[in-house]
C-alpha cells in the first residue's frame, strides 16, 4: 500500500507543487490505461492495426500534458522556486533514466506518426525505428511506472476525497486540461487513422523482446528504488 501519511503531508508543502503533482498524476494514469490498451493491440496487429494506430495517436494528448507538467516542475526547481526546491528532485536513478525515457518516447511517437503519414516510400525505415524504439522504451517505461504508480494513485485519491484537509484548488482545471488533451488527440486520431495504407507485421516478436528487457530492468532497478525512494515524488 502507498504511504498515505506521507502523501497527505505533501498537501502542506504548498499549493503550486501539489497542483503540479496532481496534474501529472492524472495525465500519467490516463497514459497508463492507454498504453496497456496499445500493447494489447500488439498481440495481433494484422487484425487490430486500426485500433493500434488510433490509440497510439490518442496517447499523444495526455503525453504532452505530462511532459509539460514535468518540464514545468524541472524549470521551477532549477530556478530555485521555494516550494519546488523543498519538494526536491527524483532520486538519482530516475534522474539518470529520464533523458533516455524522454528521447525514446519522442522517437516512438515520431516513428509511429511517420508510419501513418510517410507513405510506402519510407515505411520500411519508420517500421524498423518504431520496433527498435518500442523494445528500448518498454524497460524504461516499466521502471518509471514501478517507481511512481503508488504515489500517483494516492495523489488521485486525495484529489477526489471529500475531506477538506486533502483538497487542493484547481481540480476541475486539472481534469479539464486532460479531457481537452484527449479530445484534441481523439480528433487527430479520427483524421489520421484512415490514412494508413501499409501492411502491418505481426507484433509478437518485438513485444516479447520488450517484455524480456522489461523484466530484467525491473529486477535490477527494484532494490535501488525500494531503498532510496520509499515515497517517490512525481
Protein backbone atom coordinates (compact mmCIF):
# COMPACT_ATOMS: atom_id res chain seq x y z
CA UNK A 1 0.00 0.00 0.00
CA UNK A 2 1.09 3.59 -0.64
CA UNK A 3 2.21 5.73 2.29
CA UNK A 4 -0.97 7.74 2.87
CA UNK A 5 0.52 9.77 5.70
CA UNK A 6 3.43 10.85 3.52
CA UNK A 7 1.11 11.81 0.68
CA UNK A 8 -1.23 13.68 2.99
CA UNK A 9 1.70 15.57 4.47
CA UNK A 10 2.69 16.68 0.97
CA UNK A 11 -0.54 18.70 0.78
CA UNK A 12 1.01 21.08 3.27
CA UNK A 13 4.04 21.72 1.05
CA UNK A 14 2.19 24.46 -0.81
CA UNK A 15 -0.43 24.61 -3.49
CA UNK A 16 1.85 25.22 -6.53
CA UNK A 17 3.83 22.00 -6.19
CA UNK A 18 0.77 19.99 -5.11
CA UNK A 19 -1.26 21.19 -8.09
CA UNK A 20 1.59 20.24 -10.38
CA UNK A 21 1.93 16.77 -8.85
CA UNK A 22 -1.78 16.08 -9.12
CA UNK A 23 -1.94 17.25 -12.75
CA UNK A 24 0.99 14.97 -13.53
CA UNK A 25 -0.65 12.06 -11.70
CA UNK A 26 -3.90 12.39 -13.67
CA UNK A 27 -2.08 12.55 -17.01
CA UNK A 28 0.12 9.60 -16.01
CA UNK A 29 -2.90 7.50 -15.07
CA UNK A 30 -4.62 8.21 -18.38
CA UNK A 31 -1.40 7.32 -20.18
CA UNK A 32 -1.08 4.08 -18.21
CA UNK A 33 -4.54 2.93 -19.30
CA UNK A 34 -3.96 3.88 -22.94
CA UNK A 35 -0.52 2.26 -23.06
CA UNK A 36 -1.94 -1.00 -21.70
CA UNK A 37 -4.61 -0.89 -24.43
CA UNK A 38 -1.92 -0.18 -27.02
CA UNK A 39 0.13 -3.20 -26.01
CA UNK A 40 -2.96 -5.41 -26.14
CA UNK A 41 -3.39 -4.49 -29.82
CA UNK A 42 0.21 -5.51 -30.49
CA UNK A 43 -0.73 -9.14 -29.96
CA UNK A 44 -2.46 -9.14 -33.35
CA UNK A 45 -1.51 -6.11 -35.42
CA UNK A 46 -2.83 -7.64 -38.63
CA UNK A 47 -6.39 -7.57 -37.30
CA UNK A 48 -6.08 -4.67 -34.85
CA UNK A 49 -3.85 -2.24 -36.74
CA UNK A 50 -6.54 0.47 -36.94
CA UNK A 51 -7.07 0.30 -33.17
CA UNK A 52 -3.30 0.32 -32.62
CA UNK A 53 -2.91 3.50 -34.67
CA UNK A 54 -5.94 5.18 -33.12
CA UNK A 55 -4.83 4.52 -29.52
CA UNK A 56 -1.25 5.46 -30.39
CA UNK A 57 -2.37 8.86 -31.63
CA UNK A 58 -4.72 9.23 -28.66
CA UNK A 59 -1.71 8.78 -26.36
CA UNK A 60 -0.15 11.97 -27.74
CA UNK A 61 -2.61 14.25 -25.89
CA UNK A 62 -2.00 13.16 -22.27
CA UNK A 63 1.67 12.61 -23.12
CA UNK A 64 2.01 16.31 -23.98
CA UNK A 65 0.26 17.24 -20.73
CA UNK A 66 2.59 15.04 -18.67
CA UNK A 67 5.75 16.22 -20.40
CA UNK A 68 4.71 19.86 -19.99
CA UNK A 69 3.86 19.42 -16.30
CA UNK A 70 7.12 17.62 -15.51
CA UNK A 71 9.12 20.15 -17.56
CA UNK A 72 7.45 22.93 -15.60
CA UNK A 73 8.48 21.31 -12.33
CA UNK A 74 12.01 20.85 -13.67
CA UNK A 75 12.14 24.54 -14.63
CA UNK A 76 10.76 25.75 -11.28
CA UNK A 77 13.16 23.53 -9.33
CA UNK A 78 16.27 24.72 -11.15
CA UNK A 79 15.15 28.36 -11.00
CA UNK A 80 15.03 27.95 -7.19
CA UNK A 81 11.29 28.31 -6.59
CA UNK A 82 10.98 27.65 -2.81
CA UNK A 83 8.05 25.17 -2.96
CA UNK A 84 9.65 23.15 -5.74
CA UNK A 85 13.10 23.17 -4.13
CA UNK A 86 11.55 21.97 -0.85
CA UNK A 87 9.83 19.10 -2.64
CA UNK A 88 13.17 18.08 -4.11
CA UNK A 89 14.12 16.18 -7.29
CA UNK A 90 13.54 12.48 -8.02
CA UNK A 91 16.19 10.01 -6.89
CA UNK A 92 19.40 9.82 -8.89
CA UNK A 93 18.45 6.62 -10.77
CA UNK A 94 15.26 8.19 -12.13
CA UNK A 95 17.07 11.42 -12.99
CA UNK A 96 19.65 9.45 -14.98
CA UNK A 97 16.98 7.47 -16.82
CA UNK A 98 14.70 10.46 -17.51
CA UNK A 99 16.56 11.90 -20.56
CA UNK A 100 16.64 8.48 -22.22
CA UNK A 101 12.95 7.94 -21.48
CA UNK A 102 12.04 11.31 -22.99
CA UNK A 103 14.15 10.83 -26.13
CA UNK A 104 12.94 7.29 -26.78
CA UNK A 105 9.31 8.25 -26.07
CA UNK A 106 9.57 11.00 -28.67
CA UNK A 107 11.19 8.52 -31.07
CA UNK A 108 8.34 6.04 -30.57
CA UNK A 109 5.73 8.73 -31.27
CA UNK A 110 7.53 10.33 -34.23
CA UNK A 111 8.19 6.98 -35.91
CA UNK A 112 4.55 6.00 -35.32
CA UNK A 113 3.28 9.17 -36.94
CA UNK A 114 5.84 8.64 -39.69
CA UNK A 115 4.35 5.23 -40.46
CA UNK A 116 0.92 6.80 -40.87
CA UNK A 117 1.96 9.89 -42.82
CA UNK A 118 5.20 8.81 -44.53
CA UNK A 119 3.69 6.59 -47.21
CA UNK A 120 5.22 3.46 -48.75
CA UNK A 121 8.49 5.18 -49.66
CA UNK A 122 9.64 5.45 -46.04
CA UNK A 123 7.57 2.70 -44.44
CA UNK A 124 10.45 0.25 -44.00
CA UNK A 125 12.65 2.79 -42.26
CA UNK A 126 9.94 4.03 -39.91
CA UNK A 127 8.89 0.46 -39.12
CA UNK A 128 12.41 -0.50 -38.04
CA UNK A 129 12.82 2.65 -35.96
CA UNK A 130 9.42 2.12 -34.36
CA UNK A 131 10.07 -1.53 -33.48
CA UNK A 132 13.53 -0.89 -32.02
CA UNK A 133 12.42 2.19 -30.08
CA UNK A 134 9.47 0.28 -28.56
CA UNK A 135 11.80 -2.51 -27.40
CA UNK A 136 14.05 0.09 -25.73
CA UNK A 137 11.07 2.06 -24.41
CA UNK A 138 9.37 -0.78 -22.55
CA UNK A 139 12.02 -1.36 -19.82
CA UNK A 140 12.47 2.37 -19.20
CA UNK A 141 8.73 2.83 -19.01
CA UNK A 142 8.34 -0.12 -16.64
CA UNK A 143 10.92 1.26 -14.20
CA UNK A 144 9.23 4.67 -14.33
CA UNK A 145 5.80 3.16 -13.65
CA UNK A 146 7.13 0.94 -10.88
CA UNK A 147 8.66 3.98 -9.15
CA UNK A 148 5.59 6.20 -9.30
CA UNK A 149 2.42 4.13 -9.52
CA UNK A 150 1.66 4.01 -5.79
CA UNK A 151 2.29 7.72 -5.31
CA UNK A 152 0.15 8.60 -8.34
CA UNK A 153 -2.77 6.54 -7.05
CA UNK A 154 -2.51 8.28 -3.67
CA UNK A 155 -2.47 11.73 -5.25
CA UNK A 156 -5.56 10.96 -7.30
CA UNK A 157 -7.33 9.52 -4.27
CA UNK A 158 -6.60 12.71 -2.36
CA UNK A 159 -7.84 14.83 -5.25
CA UNK A 160 -11.23 13.08 -5.16
CA UNK A 161 -11.66 12.84 -1.40
CA UNK A 162 -14.42 14.75 0.36
CA UNK A 163 -12.12 15.62 3.25
CA UNK A 164 -11.33 19.31 3.01
CA UNK A 165 -7.83 19.00 4.51
CA UNK A 166 -6.70 16.98 1.48
CA UNK A 167 -8.23 19.24 -1.14
CA UNK A 168 -6.14 21.45 -3.38
CA UNK A 169 -7.66 24.18 -5.57
CA UNK A 170 -7.90 23.60 -9.29
CA UNK A 171 -9.24 20.04 -9.55
CA UNK A 172 -11.72 20.99 -12.27
CA UNK A 173 -8.93 22.68 -14.19
CA UNK A 174 -6.69 19.64 -13.93
CA UNK A 175 -9.45 17.40 -15.19
CA UNK A 176 -10.34 19.89 -17.90
CA UNK A 177 -6.77 20.03 -19.21
CA UNK A 178 -6.59 16.25 -19.51
CA UNK A 179 -10.05 15.95 -21.07
CA UNK A 180 -9.21 18.69 -23.58
CA UNK A 181 -5.96 16.90 -24.47
CA UNK A 182 -7.87 13.65 -25.07
CA UNK A 183 -10.47 15.43 -27.22
CA UNK A 184 -7.81 17.07 -29.39
CA UNK A 185 -5.82 13.86 -29.82
CA UNK A 186 -9.08 11.99 -30.49
CA UNK A 187 -9.94 14.40 -33.31
CA UNK A 188 -6.46 13.97 -34.77
CA UNK A 189 -6.78 10.18 -34.45
CA UNK A 190 -10.08 10.21 -36.34
CA UNK A 191 -8.45 12.19 -39.14
CA UNK A 192 -5.16 10.31 -39.41
CA UNK A 193 -6.08 6.66 -38.73
CA UNK A 194 -7.79 6.12 -42.12
CA UNK A 195 -4.68 7.43 -43.91
CA UNK A 196 -2.59 4.36 -43.10
CA UNK A 197 -2.28 2.07 -46.10
CA UNK A 198 0.67 -0.09 -45.08
CA UNK A 199 0.90 -3.81 -44.43
CA UNK A 200 1.35 -4.41 -40.68
CA UNK A 201 3.70 -7.09 -39.43
CA UNK A 202 2.84 -9.38 -36.55
CA UNK A 203 3.60 -7.63 -33.26
CA UNK A 204 4.62 -10.57 -31.07
CA UNK A 205 8.43 -10.80 -31.68
CA UNK A 206 9.31 -7.18 -30.71
CA UNK A 207 6.77 -7.31 -27.90
CA UNK A 208 8.37 -10.46 -26.47
CA UNK A 209 11.83 -8.88 -26.63
CA UNK A 210 10.48 -5.79 -24.93
CA UNK A 211 8.85 -7.85 -22.16
CA UNK A 212 12.08 -9.77 -21.51
CA UNK A 213 14.03 -6.50 -21.31
CA UNK A 214 11.33 -5.07 -19.02
CA UNK A 215 11.53 -7.95 -16.54
CA UNK A 216 15.32 -7.67 -16.38
CA UNK A 217 15.18 -3.88 -15.93
CA UNK A 218 12.63 -4.03 -13.10
CA UNK A 219 14.57 -6.77 -11.29
CA UNK A 220 17.74 -4.67 -11.47
CA UNK A 221 16.08 -1.37 -10.54
CA UNK A 222 13.72 -2.59 -7.82
CA UNK A 223 16.24 -2.78 -4.93
CA UNK A 224 17.51 0.72 -5.67
CA UNK A 225 14.01 2.17 -5.88
CA UNK A 226 12.97 0.38 -2.70
CA UNK A 227 15.95 1.62 -0.69
CA UNK A 228 16.23 5.19 -1.93
CA UNK A 229 12.71 6.06 -2.92
CA UNK A 230 10.24 4.78 -0.34
CA UNK A 231 7.99 7.71 -1.11
CA UNK A 232 8.77 8.57 -4.75
CA UNK A 233 7.96 12.09 -5.80
CA UNK A 234 6.16 12.99 -9.00
